[in-house]
Amino acid sequence: MSDDLPVELKMKLYKKYLAKLANKSENTASPKESAVEDPEKFVQSRLSDERAEEIMMKIKIKYPEIYDLLVKELYRAIKQGIVNELDGLTLLSIAQSIGLDIRPDLRIRFVKNGKEVDMKEYLGK
């Protein structure tokens, strides 16, 4: 039967078949692409220590309009491979270099026998 069809009709059917395949592959790929990654969650997942989390929270509370821009830029830098993960010192340096007045909480940690302990336990009371 396929030998009976003219070449133009065969080509037309073949193009329709390819278009259907392309459309089908786009439909199966679109759920992955439509699930857009949240930049804030992505950046939060790349924070390496609790100090970095604390600084990001302070920036979010004190400078909400700058926070969104900062998250977008950090997201872009991580995606481009410029930065792999962020620690507290790096975030503090970034915040201070753009003129944000962020001061982390002061913590005094005592280490006794390789464990962090409070002041009473450290002094032996």
PDB file of N, CA and C in Angstrom:
ATOM      1  N   MET A   1       0.818  -1.182   0.000  1.00  0.00           N
ATOM      2  CA  MET A   1       0.000   0.000   0.000  1.00  0.00           C
ATOM      3  C   MET A   1       0.866   1.252   0.000  1.00  0.00           C
ATOM      4  N   SER A   2       1.940   1.256   0.749  1.00  0.00           N
ATOM      5  CA  SER A   2       2.783   2.433   0.817  1.00  0.00           C
ATOM      6  C   SER A   2       3.474   2.700  -0.518  1.00  0.00           C
ATOM      7  N   ASP A   3       3.614   1.671  -1.334  1.00  0.00           N
ATOM      8  CA  ASP A   3       4.205   1.871  -2.662  1.00  0.00           C
ATOM      9  C   ASP A   3       3.230   2.579  -3.591  1.00  0.00           C
ATOM     10  N   ASP A   4       1.937   2.508  -3.291  1.00  0.00           N
ATOM     11  CA  ASP A   4       0.919   3.120  -4.142  1.00  0.00           C
ATOM     12  C   ASP A   4       0.847   4.631  -3.944  1.00  0.00           C
ATOM     13  N   LEU A   5       1.324   5.137  -2.792  1.00  0.00           N
ATOM     14  CA  LEU A   5       1.218   6.557  -2.486  1.00  0.00           C
ATOM     15  C   LEU A   5       2.279   7.359  -3.223  1.00  0.00           C
ATOM     16  N   PRO A   6       1.910   8.548  -3.670  1.00  0.00           N
ATOM     17  CA  PRO A   6       2.908   9.410  -4.307  1.00  0.00           C
ATOM     18  C   PRO A   6       3.943   9.907  -3.278  1.00  0.00           C
ATOM     19  N   VAL A   7       5.104  10.286  -3.756  1.00  0.00           N
ATOM     20  CA  VAL A   7       6.205  10.713  -2.897  1.00  0.00           C
ATOM     21  C   VAL A   7       5.817  11.946  -2.087  1.00  0.00           C
ATOM     22  N   GLU A   8       5.100  12.896  -2.674  1.00  0.00           N
ATOM     23  CA  GLU A   8       4.691  14.105  -1.967  1.00  0.00           C
ATOM     24  C   GLU A   8       3.805  13.764  -0.766  1.00  0.00           C
ATOM     25  N   LEU A   9       2.894  12.842  -0.938  1.00  0.00           N
ATOM     26  CA  LEU A   9       2.007  12.438   0.148  1.00  0.00           C
ATOM     27  C   LEU A   9       2.783  11.706   1.240  1.00  0.00           C
ATOM     28  N   LYS A  10       3.740  10.873   0.831  1.00  0.00           N
ATOM     29  CA  LYS A  10       4.581  10.179   1.804  1.00  0.00           C
ATOM     30  C   LYS A  10       5.349  11.194   2.649  1.00  0.00           C
ATOM     31  N   MET A  11       5.893  12.222   1.993  1.00  0.00           N
ATOM     32  CA  MET A  11       6.649  13.255   2.699  1.00  0.00           C
ATOM     33  C   MET A  11       5.748  14.023   3.666  1.00  0.00           C
ATOM     34  N   LYS A  12       4.528  14.308   3.202  1.00  0.00           N
ATOM     35  CA  LYS A  12       3.584  15.033   4.043  1.00  0.00           C
ATOM     36  C   LYS A  12       3.229  14.212   5.287  1.00  0.00           C
ATOM     37  N   LEU A  13       2.981  12.940   5.125  1.00  0.00           N
ATOM     38  CA  LEU A  13       2.678  12.058   6.246  1.00  0.00           C
ATOM     39  C   LEU A  13       3.881  11.919   7.188  1.00  0.00           C
ATOM     40  N   TYR A  14       5.058  11.834   6.599  1.00  0.00           N
ATOM     41  CA  TYR A  14       6.270  11.721   7.395  1.00  0.00           C
ATOM     42  C   TYR A  14       6.483  12.978   8.242  1.00  0.00           C
ATOM     43  N   LYS A  15       6.238  14.168   7.677  1.00  0.00           N
ATOM     44  CA  LYS A  15       6.372  15.421   8.409  1.00  0.00           C
ATOM     45  C   LYS A  15       5.372  15.486   9.557  1.00  0.00           C
ATOM     46  N   LYS A  16       4.134  15.038   9.305  1.00  0.00           N
ATOM     47  CA  LYS A  16       3.130  15.019  10.367  1.00  0.00           C
ATOM     48  C   LYS A  16       3.557  14.072  11.484  1.00  0.00           C
ATOM     49  N   TYR A  17       4.114  12.933  11.100  1.00  0.00           N
ATOM     50  CA  TYR A  17       4.586  11.963  12.083  1.00  0.00           C
ATOM     51  C   TYR A  17       5.708  12.565  12.933  1.00  0.00           C
ATOM     52  N   LEU A  18       6.654  13.239  12.299  1.00  0.00           N
ATOM     53  CA  LEU A  18       7.744  13.881  13.038  1.00  0.00           C
ATOM     54  C   LEU A  18       7.227  14.990  13.952  1.00  0.00           C
ATOM     55  N   ALA A  19       6.242  15.743  13.468  1.00  0.00           N
ATOM     56  CA  ALA A  19       5.661  16.807  14.287  1.00  0.00           C
ATOM     57  C   ALA A  19       4.981  16.217  15.521  1.00  0.00           C
ATOM     58  N   LYS A  20       4.285  15.102  15.354  1.00  0.00           N
ATOM     59  CA  LYS A  20       3.650  14.436  16.486  1.00  0.00           C
ATOM     60  C   LYS A  20       4.689  13.947  17.488  1.00  0.00           C
ATOM     61  N   LEU A  21       5.775  13.382  16.995  1.00  0.00           N
ATOM     62  CA  LEU A  21       6.837  12.912  17.883  1.00  0.00           C
ATOM     63  C   LEU A  21       7.468  14.076  18.645  1.00  0.00           C
ATOM     64  N   ALA A  22       7.705  15.175  17.950  1.00  0.00           N
ATOM     65  CA  ALA A  22       8.297  16.346  18.598  1.00  0.00           C
ATOM     66  C   ALA A  22       7.347  16.908  19.654  1.00  0.00           C
ATOM     67  N   ASN A  23       6.072  16.986  19.325  1.00  0.00           N
ATOM     68  CA  ASN A  23       5.075  17.484  20.265  1.00  0.00           C
ATOM     69  C   ASN A  23       4.977  16.572  21.485  1.00  0.00           C
ATOM     70  N   LYS A  24       5.047  15.278  21.249  1.00  0.00           N
ATOM     71  CA  LYS A  24       4.974  14.314  22.338  1.00  0.00           C
ATOM     72  C   LYS A  24       6.194  14.444  23.251  1.00  0.00           C
ATOM     73  N   SER A  25       7.369  14.630  22.679  1.00  0.00           N
ATOM     74  CA  SER A  25       8.574  14.775  23.499  1.00  0.00           C
ATOM     75  C   SER A  25       8.559  16.097  24.262  1.00  0.00           C
ATOM     76  N   GLU A  26       7.979  17.155  23.688  1.00  0.00           N
ATOM     77  CA  GLU A  26       7.853  18.425  24.396  1.00  0.00           C
ATOM     78  C   GLU A  26       6.907  18.299  25.576  1.00  0.00           C
ATOM     79  N   ASN A  27       5.826  17.550  25.391  1.00  0.00           N
ATOM     80  CA  ASN A  27       4.856  17.367  26.469  1.00  0.00           C
ATOM     81  C   ASN A  27       5.448  16.567  27.624  1.00  0.00           C
ATOM     82  N   THR A  28       6.291  15.591  27.327  1.00  0.00           N
ATOM     83  CA  THR A  28       6.896  14.810  28.395  1.00  0.00           C
ATOM     84  C   THR A  28       8.015  15.587  29.075  1.00  0.00           C
ATOM     85  N   ALA A  29       8.672  16.502  28.376  1.00  0.00           N
ATOM     86  CA  ALA A  29       9.761  17.288  28.963  1.00  0.00           C
ATOM     87  C   ALA A  29       9.232  18.505  29.709  1.00  0.00           C
ATOM     88  N   SER A  30       8.058  18.992  29.368  1.00  0.00           N
ATOM     89  CA  SER A  30       7.555  20.220  29.975  1.00  0.00           C
ATOM     90  C   SER A  30       7.280  20.114  31.481  1.00  0.00           C
ATOM     91  N   PRO A  31       6.815  18.982  32.033  1.00  0.00           N
ATOM     92  CA  PRO A  31       6.639  18.953  33.484  1.00  0.00           C
ATOM     93  C   PRO A  31       7.949  19.172  34.236  1.00  0.00           C
ATOM     94  N   LYS A  32       9.051  18.669  33.707  1.00  0.00           N
ATOM     95  CA  LYS A  32      10.332  18.886  34.346  1.00  0.00           C
ATOM     96  C   LYS A  32      10.722  20.355  34.258  1.00  0.00           C
ATOM     97  N   GLU A  33      10.492  20.956  33.109  1.00  0.00           N
ATOM     98  CA  GLU A  33      10.849  22.350  32.916  1.00  0.00           C
ATOM     99  C   GLU A  33       9.877  23.275  33.634  1.00  0.00           C
ATOM    100  N   SER A  34       8.621  22.879  33.735  1.00  0.00           N
ATOM    101  CA  SER A  34       7.640  23.749  34.371  1.00  0.00           C
ATOM    102  C   SER A  34       7.818  23.774  35.891  1.00  0.00           C
ATOM    103  N   ALA A  35       8.448  22.736  36.425  1.00  0.00           N
ATOM    104  CA  ALA A  35       8.724  22.721  37.859  1.00  0.00           C
ATOM    105  C   ALA A  35       9.935  23.611  38.107  1.00  0.00           C
ATOM    106  N   VAL A  36       9.691  24.901  38.114  1.00  0.00           N
ATOM    107  CA  VAL A  36      10.764  25.872  38.251  1.00  0.00           C
ATOM    108  C   VAL A  36      11.313  25.805  39.669  1.00  0.00           C
ATOM    109  N   GLU A  37      12.611  25.832  39.737  1.00  0.00           N
ATOM    110  CA  GLU A  37      13.303  25.750  41.016  1.00  0.00           C
ATOM    111  C   GLU A  37      13.183  27.070  41.766  1.00  0.00           C
ATOM    112  N   ASP A  38      12.909  26.986  43.055  1.00  0.00           N
ATOM    113  CA  ASP A  38      12.805  28.183  43.880  1.00  0.00           C
ATOM    114  C   ASP A  38      14.221  28.643  44.244  1.00  0.00           C
ATOM    115  N   PRO A  39      14.633  29.837  43.788  1.00  0.00           N
ATOM    116  CA  PRO A  39      15.993  30.304  44.074  1.00  0.00           C
ATOM    117  C   PRO A  39      16.295  30.397  45.564  1.00  0.00           C
ATOM    118  N   GLU A  40      15.320  30.820  46.361  1.00  0.00           N
ATOM    119  CA  GLU A  40      15.562  30.970  47.797  1.00  0.00           C
ATOM    120  C   GLU A  40      15.856  29.627  48.446  1.00  0.00           C
ATOM    121  N   LYS A  41      15.075  28.609  48.118  1.00  0.00           N
ATOM    122  CA  LYS A  41      15.305  27.284  48.692  1.00  0.00           C
ATOM    123  C   LYS A  41      16.635  26.707  48.215  1.00  0.00           C
ATOM    124  N   PHE A  42      16.958  26.966  46.950  1.00  0.00           N
ATOM    125  CA  PHE A  42      18.212  26.469  46.396  1.00  0.00           C
ATOM    126  C   PHE A  42      19.403  27.100  47.116  1.00  0.00           C
ATOM    127  N   VAL A  43      19.362  28.417  47.311  1.00  0.00           N
ATOM    128  CA  VAL A  43      20.451  29.110  48.007  1.00  0.00           C
ATOM    129  C   VAL A  43      20.524  28.630  49.463  1.00  0.00           C
ATOM    130  N   GLN A  44      19.377  28.467  50.115  1.00  0.00           N
ATOM    131  CA  GLN A  44      19.358  27.988  51.495  1.00  0.00           C
ATOM    132  C   GLN A  44      19.996  26.603  51.605  1.00  0.00           C
ATOM    133  N   SER A  45      19.792  25.775  50.582  1.00  0.00           N
ATOM    134  CA  SER A  45      20.374  24.438  50.617  1.00  0.00           C
ATOM    135  C   SER A  45      21.888  24.463  50.450  1.00  0.00           C
ATOM    136  N   ARG A  46      22.420  25.548  49.930  1.00  0.00           N
ATOM    137  CA  ARG A  46      23.866  25.670  49.725  1.00  0.00           C
ATOM    138  C   ARG A  46      24.583  26.408  50.854  1.00  0.00           C
ATOM    139  N   LEU A  47      23.867  26.769  51.909  1.00  0.00           N
ATOM    140  CA  LEU A  47      24.505  27.401  53.062  1.00  0.00           C
ATOM    141  C   LEU A  47      25.185  26.312  53.881  1.00  0.00           C
ATOM    142  N   SER A  48      26.460  26.529  54.192  1.00  0.00           N
ATOM    143  CA  SER A  48      27.239  25.447  54.786  1.00  0.00           C
ATOM    144  C   SER A  48      27.224  25.401  56.309  1.00  0.00           C
ATOM    145  N   ASP A  49      26.845  26.481  56.974  1.00  0.00           N
ATOM    146  CA  ASP A  49      26.846  26.453  58.431  1.00  0.00           C
ATOM    147  C   ASP A  49      25.693  27.270  58.995  1.00  0.00           C
ATOM    148  N   GLU A  50      25.485  27.141  60.299  1.00  0.00           N
ATOM    149  CA  GLU A  50      24.364  27.837  60.933  1.00  0.00           C
ATOM    150  C   GLU A  50      24.572  29.342  60.971  1.00  0.00           C
ATOM    151  N   ARG A  51      25.800  29.789  60.950  1.00  0.00           N
ATOM    152  CA  ARG A  51      26.092  31.226  60.930  1.00  0.00           C
ATOM    153  C   ARG A  51      25.605  31.825  59.608  1.00  0.00           C
ATOM    154  N   ALA A  52      25.775  31.104  58.510  1.00  0.00           N
ATOM    155  CA  ALA A  52      25.296  31.584  57.213  1.00  0.00           C
ATOM    156  C   ALA A  52      23.771  31.687  57.216  1.00  0.00           C
ATOM    157  N   GLU A  53      23.113  30.704  57.803  1.00  0.00           N
ATOM    158  CA  GLU A  53      21.650  30.738  57.894  1.00  0.00           C
ATOM    159  C   GLU A  53      21.189  31.932  58.730  1.00  0.00           C
ATOM    160  N   GLU A  54      21.907  32.197  59.820  1.00  0.00           N
ATOM    161  CA  GLU A  54      21.570  33.319  60.687  1.00  0.00           C
ATOM    162  C   GLU A  54      21.717  34.651  59.947  1.00  0.00           C
ATOM    163  N   ILE A  55      22.798  34.799  59.199  1.00  0.00           N
ATOM    164  CA  ILE A  55      23.037  36.045  58.463  1.00  0.00           C
ATOM    165  C   ILE A  55      21.988  36.244  57.380  1.00  0.00           C
ATOM    166  N   MET A  56      21.640  35.171  56.660  1.00  0.00           N
ATOM    167  CA  MET A  56      20.602  35.286  55.629  1.00  0.00           C
ATOM    168  C   MET A  56      19.271  35.694  56.260  1.00  0.00           C
ATOM    169  N   MET A  57      18.948  35.152  57.426  1.00  0.00           N
ATOM    170  CA  MET A  57      17.701  35.496  58.099  1.00  0.00           C
ATOM    171  C   MET A  57      17.710  36.961  58.532  1.00  0.00           C
ATOM    172  N   LYS A  58      18.840  37.443  59.033  1.00  0.00           N
ATOM    173  CA  LYS A  58      18.940  38.842  59.450  1.00  0.00           C
ATOM    174  C   LYS A  58      18.796  39.777  58.247  1.00  0.00           C
ATOM    175  N   ILE A  59      19.386  39.403  57.113  1.00  0.00           N
ATOM    176  CA  ILE A  59      19.247  40.218  55.900  1.00  0.00           C
ATOM    177  C   ILE A  59      17.788  40.231  55.461  1.00  0.00           C
ATOM    178  N   LYS A  60      17.143  39.071  55.518  1.00  0.00           N
ATOM    179  CA  LYS A  60      15.740  38.970  55.103  1.00  0.00           C
ATOM    180  C   LYS A  60      14.837  39.851  55.964  1.00  0.00           C
ATOM    181  N   ILE A  61      15.099  39.889  57.255  1.00  0.00           N
ATOM    182  CA  ILE A  61      14.267  40.672  58.165  1.00  0.00           C
ATOM    183  C   ILE A  61      14.557  42.170  58.039  1.00  0.00           C
ATOM    184  N   LYS A  62      15.830  42.521  58.013  1.00  0.00           N
ATOM    185  CA  LYS A  62      16.208  43.929  58.052  1.00  0.00           C
ATOM    186  C   LYS A  62      16.149  44.613  56.689  1.00  0.00           C
ATOM    187  N   TYR A  63      16.457  43.877  55.613  1.00  0.00           N
ATOM    188  CA  TYR A  63      16.489  44.442  54.260  1.00  0.00           C
ATOM    189  C   TYR A  63      15.717  43.540  53.290  1.00  0.00           C
ATOM    190  N   PRO A  64      14.384  43.465  53.385  1.00  0.00           N
ATOM    191  CA  PRO A  64      13.629  42.535  52.529  1.00  0.00           C
ATOM    192  C   PRO A  64      13.733  42.838  51.036  1.00  0.00           C
ATOM    193  N   GLU A  65      13.828  44.124  50.666  1.00  0.00           N
ATOM    194  CA  GLU A  65      13.912  44.448  49.231  1.00  0.00           C
ATOM    195  C   GLU A  65      15.278  44.065  48.661  1.00  0.00           C
ATOM    196  N   ILE A  66      16.314  44.148  49.449  1.00  0.00           N
ATOM    197  CA  ILE A  66      17.651  43.764  48.995  1.00  0.00           C
ATOM    198  C   ILE A  66      17.819  42.254  49.048  1.00  0.00           C
ATOM    199  N   TYR A  67      17.128  41.618  49.976  1.00  0.00           N
ATOM    200  CA  TYR A  67      17.221  40.168  50.146  1.00  0.00           C
ATOM    201  C   TYR A  67      16.860  39.432  48.863  1.00  0.00           C
ATOM    202  N   ASP A  68      15.755  39.841  48.221  1.00  0.00           N
ATOM    203  CA  ASP A  68      15.328  39.170  46.989  1.00  0.00           C
ATOM    204  C   ASP A  68      16.393  39.279  45.902  1.00  0.00           C
ATOM    205  N   LEU A  69      16.950  40.459  45.747  1.00  0.00           N
ATOM    206  CA  LEU A  69      17.992  40.671  44.745  1.00  0.00           C
ATOM    207  C   LEU A  69      19.243  39.862  45.084  1.00  0.00           C
ATOM    208  N   LEU A  70      19.611  39.838  46.356  1.00  0.00           N
ATOM    209  CA  LEU A  70      20.780  39.084  46.795  1.00  0.00           C
ATOM    210  C   LEU A  70      20.596  37.590  46.535  1.00  0.00           C
ATOM    211  N   VAL A  71      19.418  37.070  46.826  1.00  0.00           N
ATOM    212  CA  VAL A  71      19.140  35.651  46.595  1.00  0.00           C
ATOM    213  C   VAL A  71      19.238  35.325  45.109  1.00  0.00           C
ATOM    214  N   LYS A  72      18.695  36.191  44.259  1.00  0.00           N
ATOM    215  CA  LYS A  72      18.768  35.956  42.812  1.00  0.00           C
ATOM    216  C   LYS A  72      20.208  35.942  42.320  1.00  0.00           C
ATOM    217  N   GLU A  73      21.019  36.861  42.820  1.00  0.00           N
ATOM    218  CA  GLU A  73      22.414  36.920  42.398  1.00  0.00           C
ATOM    219  C   GLU A  73      23.217  35.732  42.934  1.00  0.00           C
ATOM    220  N   LEU A  74      22.959  35.333  44.165  1.00  0.00           N
ATOM    221  CA  LEU A  74      23.635  34.155  44.711  1.00  0.00           C
ATOM    222  C   LEU A  74      23.217  32.896  43.954  1.00  0.00           C
ATOM    223  N   TYR A  75      21.941  32.813  43.610  1.00  0.00           N
ATOM    224  CA  TYR A  75      21.422  31.685  42.828  1.00  0.00           C
ATOM    225  C   TYR A  75      22.137  31.611  41.481  1.00  0.00           C
ATOM    226  N   ARG A  76      22.257  32.765  40.829  1.00  0.00           N
ATOM    227  CA  ARG A  76      22.934  32.813  39.527  1.00  0.00           C
ATOM    228  C   ARG A  76      24.398  32.395  39.662  1.00  0.00           C
ATOM    229  N   ALA A  77      25.069  32.877  40.704  1.00  0.00           N
ATOM    230  CA  ALA A  77      26.478  32.542  40.908  1.00  0.00           C
ATOM    231  C   ALA A  77      26.670  31.048  41.176  1.00  0.00           C
ATOM    232  N   ILE A  78      25.769  30.466  41.929  1.00  0.00           N
ATOM    233  CA  ILE A  78      25.865  29.030  42.212  1.00  0.00           C
ATOM    234  C   ILE A  78      25.595  28.224  40.951  1.00  0.00           C
ATOM    235  N   LYS A  79      24.577  28.612  40.195  1.00  0.00           N
ATOM    236  CA  LYS A  79      24.236  27.891  38.966  1.00  0.00           C
ATOM    237  C   LYS A  79      25.360  27.970  37.930  1.00  0.00           C
ATOM    238  N   GLN A  80      26.060  29.098  37.881  1.00  0.00           N
ATOM    239  CA  GLN A  80      27.156  29.265  36.924  1.00  0.00           C
ATOM    240  C   GLN A  80      28.441  28.602  37.403  1.00  0.00           C
ATOM    241  N   GLY A  81      28.447  28.109  38.628  1.00  0.00           N
ATOM    242  CA  GLY A  81      29.615  27.422  39.147  1.00  0.00           C
ATOM    243  C   GLY A  81      30.660  28.344  39.750  1.00  0.00           C
ATOM    244  N   ILE A  82      30.328  29.600  39.931  1.00  0.00           N
ATOM    245  CA  ILE A  82      31.264  30.547  40.539  1.00  0.00           C
ATOM    246  C   ILE A  82      31.448  30.204  42.011  1.00  0.00           C
ATOM    247  N   VAL A  83      30.356  29.799  42.660  1.00  0.00           N
ATOM    248  CA  VAL A  83      30.365  29.453  44.084  1.00  0.00           C
ATOM    249  C   VAL A  83      29.708  28.088  44.242  1.00  0.00           C
ATOM    250  N   ASN A  84      30.280  27.247  45.107  1.00  0.00           N
ATOM    251  CA  ASN A  84      29.663  25.944  45.367  1.00  0.00           C
ATOM    252  C   ASN A  84      28.767  25.991  46.589  1.00  0.00           C
ATOM    253  N   GLU A  85      29.289  26.564  47.664  1.00  0.00           N
ATOM    254  CA  GLU A  85      28.498  26.710  48.879  1.00  0.00           C
ATOM    255  C   GLU A  85      28.940  27.984  49.592  1.00  0.00           C
ATOM    256  N   LEU A  86      28.089  28.453  50.491  1.00  0.00           N
ATOM    257  CA  LEU A  86      28.339  29.712  51.179  1.00  0.00           C
ATOM    258  C   LEU A  86      28.445  29.484  52.675  1.00  0.00           C
ATOM    259  N   ASP A  87      29.482  30.034  53.278  1.00  0.00           N
ATOM    260  CA  ASP A  87      29.604  29.967  54.729  1.00  0.00           C
ATOM    261  C   ASP A  87      29.275  31.339  55.320  1.00  0.00           C
ATOM    262  N   GLY A  88      29.226  31.410  56.638  1.00  0.00           N
ATOM    263  CA  GLY A  88      28.839  32.637  57.312  1.00  0.00           C
ATOM    264  C   GLY A  88      29.776  33.793  57.041  1.00  0.00           C
ATOM    265  N   LEU A  89      31.076  33.527  57.031  1.00  0.00           N
ATOM    266  CA  LEU A  89      32.056  34.588  56.810  1.00  0.00           C
ATOM    267  C   LEU A  89      31.923  35.181  55.407  1.00  0.00           C
ATOM    268  N   THR A  90      31.709  34.331  54.422  1.00  0.00           N
ATOM    269  CA  THR A  90      31.537  34.813  53.045  1.00  0.00           C
ATOM    270  C   THR A  90      30.291  35.673  52.930  1.00  0.00           C
ATOM    271  N   LEU A  91      29.187  35.217  53.506  1.00  0.00           N
ATOM    272  CA  LEU A  91      27.949  35.999  53.444  1.00  0.00           C
ATOM    273  C   LEU A  91      28.084  37.324  54.184  1.00  0.00           C
ATOM    274  N   LEU A  92      28.747  37.304  55.326  1.00  0.00           N
ATOM    275  CA  LEU A  92      28.963  38.538  56.073  1.00  0.00           C
ATOM    276  C   LEU A  92      29.818  39.513  55.258  1.00  0.00           C
ATOM    277  N   SER A  93      30.834  38.998  54.599  1.00  0.00           N
ATOM    278  CA  SER A  93      31.689  39.843  53.752  1.00  0.00           C
ATOM    279  C   SER A  93      30.898  40.444  52.598  1.00  0.00           C
ATOM    280  N   ILE A  94      30.050  39.639  51.979  1.00  0.00           N
ATOM    281  CA  ILE A  94      29.220  40.132  50.870  1.00  0.00           C
ATOM    282  C   ILE A  94      28.283  41.225  51.372  1.00  0.00           C
ATOM    283  N   ALA A  95      27.625  40.966  52.505  1.00  0.00           N
ATOM    284  CA  ALA A  95      26.669  41.937  53.057  1.00  0.00           C
ATOM    285  C   ALA A  95      27.367  43.247  53.399  1.00  0.00           C
ATOM    286  N   GLN A  96      28.525  43.176  54.015  1.00  0.00           N
ATOM    287  CA  GLN A  96      29.241  44.389  54.385  1.00  0.00           C
ATOM    288  C   GLN A  96      29.786  45.121  53.160  1.00  0.00           C
ATOM    289  N   SER A  97      30.175  44.377  52.129  1.00  0.00           N
ATOM    290  CA  SER A  97      30.718  45.032  50.936  1.00  0.00           C
ATOM    291  C   SER A  97      29.645  45.792  50.153  1.00  0.00           C
ATOM    292  N   ILE A  98      28.379  45.386  50.286  1.00  0.00           N
ATOM    293  CA  ILE A  98      27.316  46.138  49.600  1.00  0.00           C
ATOM    294  C   ILE A  98      26.656  47.155  50.525  1.00  0.00           C
ATOM    295  N   GLY A  99      27.231  47.306  51.717  1.00  0.00           N
ATOM    296  CA  GLY A  99      26.790  48.372  52.611  1.00  0.00           C
ATOM    297  C   GLY A  99      25.682  48.013  53.579  1.00  0.00           C
ATOM    298  N   LEU A 100      25.424  46.738  53.801  1.00  0.00           N
ATOM    299  CA  LEU A 100      24.399  46.329  54.753  1.00  0.00           C
ATOM    300  C   LEU A 100      24.998  46.252  56.146  1.00  0.00           C
ATOM    301  N   ASP A 101      24.289  46.782  57.111  1.00  0.00           N
ATOM    302  CA  ASP A 101      24.755  46.772  58.494  1.00  0.00           C
ATOM    303  C   ASP A 101      24.211  45.521  59.181  1.00  0.00           C
ATOM    304  N   ILE A 102      24.889  44.417  58.994  1.00  0.00           N
ATOM    305  CA  ILE A 102      24.483  43.138  59.579  1.00  0.00           C
ATOM    306  C   ILE A 102      25.551  42.721  60.576  1.00  0.00           C
ATOM    307  N   ARG A 103      25.106  42.406  61.778  1.00  0.00           N
ATOM    308  CA  ARG A 103      26.032  41.955  62.813  1.00  0.00           C
ATOM    309  C   ARG A 103      25.522  40.639  63.369  1.00  0.00           C
ATOM    310  N   PRO A 104      26.320  39.597  63.230  1.00  0.00           N
ATOM    311  CA  PRO A 104      25.891  38.305  63.772  1.00  0.00           C
ATOM    312  C   PRO A 104      25.865  38.329  65.294  1.00  0.00           C
ATOM    313  N   ASP A 105      25.069  37.448  65.867  1.00  0.00           N
ATOM    314  CA  ASP A 105      24.995  37.350  67.324  1.00  0.00           C
ATOM    315  C   ASP A 105      26.347  36.884  67.867  1.00  0.00           C
ATOM    316  N   LEU A 106      26.707  37.448  69.001  1.00  0.00           N
ATOM    317  CA  LEU A 106      27.949  37.078  69.653  1.00  0.00           C
ATOM    318  C   LEU A 106      27.734  35.784  70.420  1.00  0.00           C
ATOM    319  N   ARG A 107      28.607  34.832  70.178  1.00  0.00           N
ATOM    320  CA  ARG A 107      28.506  33.546  70.864  1.00  0.00           C
ATOM    321  C   ARG A 107      29.866  33.202  71.451  1.00  0.00           C
ATOM    322  N   ILE A 108      29.855  32.852  72.690  1.00  0.00           N
ATOM    323  CA  ILE A 108      31.076  32.381  73.324  1.00  0.00           C
ATOM    324  C   ILE A 108      30.885  30.894  73.572  1.00  0.00           C
ATOM    325  N   ARG A 109      31.746  30.115  72.997  1.00  0.00           N
ATOM    326  CA  ARG A 109      31.613  28.664  73.105  1.00  0.00           C
ATOM    327  C   ARG A 109      32.773  28.121  73.927  1.00  0.00           C
ATOM    328  N   PHE A 110      32.456  27.251  74.832  1.00  0.00           N
ATOM    329  CA  PHE A 110      33.454  26.596  75.653  1.00  0.00           C
ATOM    330  C   PHE A 110      33.539  25.145  75.213  1.00  0.00           C
ATOM    331  N   VAL A 111      34.754  24.674  75.090  1.00  0.00           N
ATOM    332  CA  VAL A 111      34.959  23.287  74.673  1.00  0.00           C
ATOM    333  C   VAL A 111      35.676  22.563  75.803  1.00  0.00           C
ATOM    334  N   LYS A 112      35.063  21.493  76.242  1.00  0.00           N
ATOM    335  CA  LYS A 112      35.645  20.690  77.312  1.00  0.00           C
ATOM    336  C   LYS A 112      35.588  19.232  76.873  1.00  0.00           C
ATOM    337  N   ASN A 113      36.734  18.610  76.806  1.00  0.00           N
ATOM    338  CA  ASN A 113      36.847  17.217  76.366  1.00  0.00           C
ATOM    339  C   ASN A 113      36.253  17.010  74.971  1.00  0.00           C
ATOM    340  N   GLY A 114      36.433  17.986  74.106  1.00  0.00           N
ATOM    341  CA  GLY A 114      35.981  17.860  72.725  1.00  0.00           C
ATOM    342  C   GLY A 114      34.507  18.139  72.499  1.00  0.00           C
ATOM    343  N   LYS A 115      33.783  18.557  73.554  1.00  0.00           N
ATOM    344  CA  LYS A 115      32.360  18.870  73.427  1.00  0.00           C
ATOM    345  C   LYS A 115      32.132  20.327  73.766  1.00  0.00           C
ATOM    346  N   GLU A 116      31.154  20.922  73.108  1.00  0.00           N
ATOM    347  CA  GLU A 116      30.748  22.279  73.463  1.00  0.00           C
ATOM    348  C   GLU A 116      29.867  22.202  74.700  1.00  0.00           C
ATOM    349  N   VAL A 117      30.198  23.027  75.697  1.00  0.00           N
ATOM    350  CA  VAL A 117      29.435  23.020  76.939  1.00  0.00           C
ATOM    351  C   VAL A 117      29.106  24.445  77.334  1.00  0.00           C
ATOM    352  N   ASP A 118      28.146  24.605  78.253  1.00  0.00           N
ATOM    353  CA  ASP A 118      27.819  25.953  78.725  1.00  0.00           C
ATOM    354  C   ASP A 118      28.823  26.380  79.789  1.00  0.00           C
ATOM    355  N   MET A 119      28.729  27.637  80.207  1.00  0.00           N
ATOM    356  CA  MET A 119      29.723  28.215  81.106  1.00  0.00           C
ATOM    357  C   MET A 119      29.766  27.500  82.459  1.00  0.00           C
ATOM    358  N   LYS A 120      28.617  27.156  83.018  1.00  0.00           N
ATOM    359  CA  LYS A 120      28.574  26.485  84.331  1.00  0.00           C
ATOM    360  C   LYS A 120      29.309  25.140  84.276  1.00  0.00           C
ATOM    361  N   GLU A 121      29.047  24.391  83.223  1.00  0.00           N
ATOM    362  CA  GLU A 121      29.678  23.076  83.099  1.00  0.00           C
ATOM    363  C   GLU A 121      31.188  23.234  82.860  1.00  0.00           C
ATOM    364  N   TYR A 122      31.548  24.256  82.101  1.00  0.00           N
ATOM    365  CA  TYR A 122      32.972  24.478  81.817  1.00  0.00           C
ATOM    366  C   TYR A 122      33.738  24.832  83.072  1.00  0.00           C
ATOM    367  N   LEU A 123      33.143  25.636  83.930  1.00  0.00           N
ATOM    368  CA  LEU A 123      33.809  26.050  85.165  1.00  0.00           C
ATOM    369  C   LEU A 123      33.747  24.974  86.241  1.00  0.00           C
ATOM    370  N   GLY A 124      32.970  23.930  86.004  1.00  0.00           N
ATOM    371  CA  GLY A 124      32.927  22.805  86.920  1.00  0.00           C
ATOM    372  C   GLY A 124      31.947  22.959  88.051  1.00  0.00           C
ATOM    373  N   LYS A 125      30.967  23.795  87.901  1.00  0.00           N
ATOM    374  CA  LYS A 125      29.975  24.002  88.964  1.00  0.00           C
ATOM    375  C   LYS A 125      28.809  23.095  88.776  1.00  0.00           C
TER     376      LYS A 125
END
